[in-house]
């Protein structure tokens, strides 16, 4: 069984968002049993969307954990906001968003929002491996 984790702490800006994506790519390249390029792109997209949502809607900082399980890749983003993400109609005209959370839910095998005891939440998405 190959389980690995990487932590990207205190994501605060677009520059660090790019760093989170780069760390996720490095994590995926380092797996003992690599995933396909298409599955890797999907993981990177989900990382980008979840981290972006945390930056925009949850106070501007978060932590990203990536774990490789035998059958899936787990992406987990932890932030200090108790507000859970929700589905909304995407804004096609003013660019205010609404695309990320529905996309994550379509790409992932499963998603979960878990309230943390000390406050905030963790959002987990399981993706194909």
Protein backbone atom coordinates (compact mmCIF):
# COMPACT_ATOMS: atom_id res chain seq x y z
CA UNK A 1 0.00 0.00 0.00
CA UNK A 2 1.39 3.37 -1.00
CA UNK A 3 0.15 6.24 1.16
CA UNK A 4 1.99 9.56 1.10
CA UNK A 5 1.12 13.05 2.31
CA UNK A 6 2.38 16.52 1.52
CA UNK A 7 1.38 19.69 3.30
CA UNK A 8 1.30 23.16 1.77
CA UNK A 9 0.86 25.59 4.65
CA UNK A 10 -0.59 29.08 4.76
CA UNK A 11 -1.75 29.51 1.19
CA UNK A 12 -2.37 33.28 0.98
CA UNK A 13 -2.06 34.55 -2.58
CA UNK A 14 -2.19 33.69 -6.27
CA UNK A 15 1.57 33.19 -6.15
CA UNK A 16 1.17 30.64 -3.39
CA UNK A 17 -1.78 29.09 -5.24
CA UNK A 18 0.63 28.42 -8.12
CA UNK A 19 2.98 26.95 -5.51
CA UNK A 20 0.20 24.66 -4.25
CA UNK A 21 -0.35 23.40 -7.80
CA UNK A 22 3.40 22.89 -8.25
CA UNK A 23 3.65 20.96 -4.97
CA UNK A 24 0.70 18.81 -6.04
CA UNK A 25 2.42 18.06 -9.38
CA UNK A 26 5.63 17.14 -7.54
CA UNK A 27 3.66 14.91 -5.18
CA UNK A 28 2.01 13.10 -8.10
CA UNK A 29 5.31 12.67 -9.97
CA UNK A 30 6.84 11.13 -6.84
CA UNK A 31 4.26 8.37 -6.45
CA UNK A 32 5.59 4.80 -6.49
CA UNK A 33 2.68 3.83 -8.75
CA UNK A 34 2.10 6.79 -11.10
CA UNK A 35 -1.32 7.90 -12.26
CA UNK A 36 -2.25 8.78 -15.83
CA UNK A 37 -1.63 12.29 -17.15
CA UNK A 38 -5.40 12.84 -17.42
CA UNK A 39 -5.96 11.80 -13.78
CA UNK A 40 -3.05 14.02 -12.70
CA UNK A 41 -4.61 16.98 -14.53
CA UNK A 42 -7.89 16.31 -12.73
CA UNK A 43 -6.16 16.25 -9.34
CA UNK A 44 -4.39 19.55 -10.11
CA UNK A 45 -7.69 21.13 -11.19
CA UNK A 46 -9.41 20.04 -7.97
CA UNK A 47 -6.48 21.35 -5.89
CA UNK A 48 -6.71 24.67 -7.71
CA UNK A 49 -10.48 24.98 -7.25
CA UNK A 50 -10.53 24.01 -3.56
CA UNK A 51 -7.61 26.26 -2.64
CA UNK A 52 -9.08 29.14 -4.67
CA UNK A 53 -12.43 28.72 -2.90
CA UNK A 54 -10.70 28.78 0.49
CA UNK A 55 -8.83 31.95 -0.46
CA UNK A 56 -11.96 33.69 -1.77
CA UNK A 57 -14.58 32.54 0.71
CA UNK A 58 -12.90 31.29 3.88
CA UNK A 59 -10.62 34.02 5.15
CA UNK A 60 -7.64 33.83 2.83
CA UNK A 61 -5.55 31.06 4.36
CA UNK A 62 -5.72 27.29 4.17
CA UNK A 63 -3.71 24.11 4.37
CA UNK A 64 -3.60 21.50 1.62
CA UNK A 65 -3.01 17.80 2.26
CA UNK A 66 -2.58 15.23 -0.51
CA UNK A 67 -2.68 11.52 0.22
CA UNK A 68 -2.21 8.64 -2.22
CA UNK A 69 -4.27 5.61 -1.25
CA UNK A 70 -4.14 2.33 -3.18
CA UNK A 71 -7.32 3.14 -5.15
CA UNK A 72 -7.57 6.94 -5.08
CA UNK A 73 -5.94 10.28 -4.45
CA UNK A 74 -7.34 12.32 -1.58
CA UNK A 75 -7.23 16.11 -1.78
CA UNK A 76 -8.04 17.83 1.52
CA UNK A 77 -8.17 21.57 2.11
CA UNK A 78 -8.51 22.87 5.67
CA UNK A 79 -9.53 26.43 6.53
CA UNK A 80 -10.82 28.41 9.49
CA UNK A 81 -14.28 29.26 8.18
CA UNK A 82 -17.26 27.27 9.48
CA UNK A 83 -19.23 28.04 6.28
CA UNK A 84 -19.63 25.03 4.03
CA UNK A 85 -19.45 25.47 0.26
CA UNK A 86 -22.76 25.42 -1.54
CA UNK A 87 -24.01 24.99 -5.06
CA UNK A 88 -25.07 28.18 -6.78
CA UNK A 89 -25.91 29.19 -10.30
CA UNK A 90 -22.67 30.06 -12.09
CA UNK A 91 -22.38 33.70 -13.10
CA UNK A 92 -21.97 33.79 -16.87
CA UNK A 93 -21.89 37.59 -17.16
CA UNK A 94 -20.16 39.35 -14.25
CA UNK A 95 -17.38 36.86 -13.51
CA UNK A 96 -18.29 36.33 -9.85
CA UNK A 97 -17.83 32.56 -10.00
CA UNK A 98 -20.05 29.68 -9.06
CA UNK A 99 -18.25 27.10 -11.21
CA UNK A 100 -15.69 25.61 -8.79
CA UNK A 101 -17.71 23.62 -6.25
CA UNK A 102 -20.01 22.00 -8.88
CA UNK A 103 -16.92 21.10 -10.94
CA UNK A 104 -15.18 19.51 -7.95
CA UNK A 105 -18.30 17.46 -7.23
CA UNK A 106 -18.47 16.27 -10.86
CA UNK A 107 -14.78 15.34 -11.03
CA UNK A 108 -14.49 13.59 -7.66
CA UNK A 109 -15.77 10.13 -6.80
CA UNK A 110 -16.91 11.66 -3.53
CA UNK A 111 -16.62 14.89 -1.55
CA UNK A 112 -17.13 15.60 2.13
CA UNK A 113 -17.21 18.71 4.29
CA UNK A 114 -16.08 17.96 7.83
CA UNK A 115 -16.36 20.50 10.63
CA UNK A 116 -13.22 20.61 12.77
CA UNK A 117 -13.44 20.52 16.56
CA UNK A 118 -11.25 23.62 16.96
CA UNK A 119 -13.21 25.55 14.34
CA UNK A 120 -13.22 25.73 10.61
CA UNK A 121 -13.65 22.82 8.25
CA UNK A 122 -11.92 20.33 6.03
CA UNK A 123 -13.10 19.65 2.51
CA UNK A 124 -12.06 16.28 1.12
CA UNK A 125 -12.33 15.03 -2.44
CA UNK A 126 -11.46 11.48 -3.54
CA UNK A 127 -10.25 11.19 -7.13
CA UNK A 128 -9.40 8.31 -9.46
CA UNK A 129 -5.98 6.78 -9.27
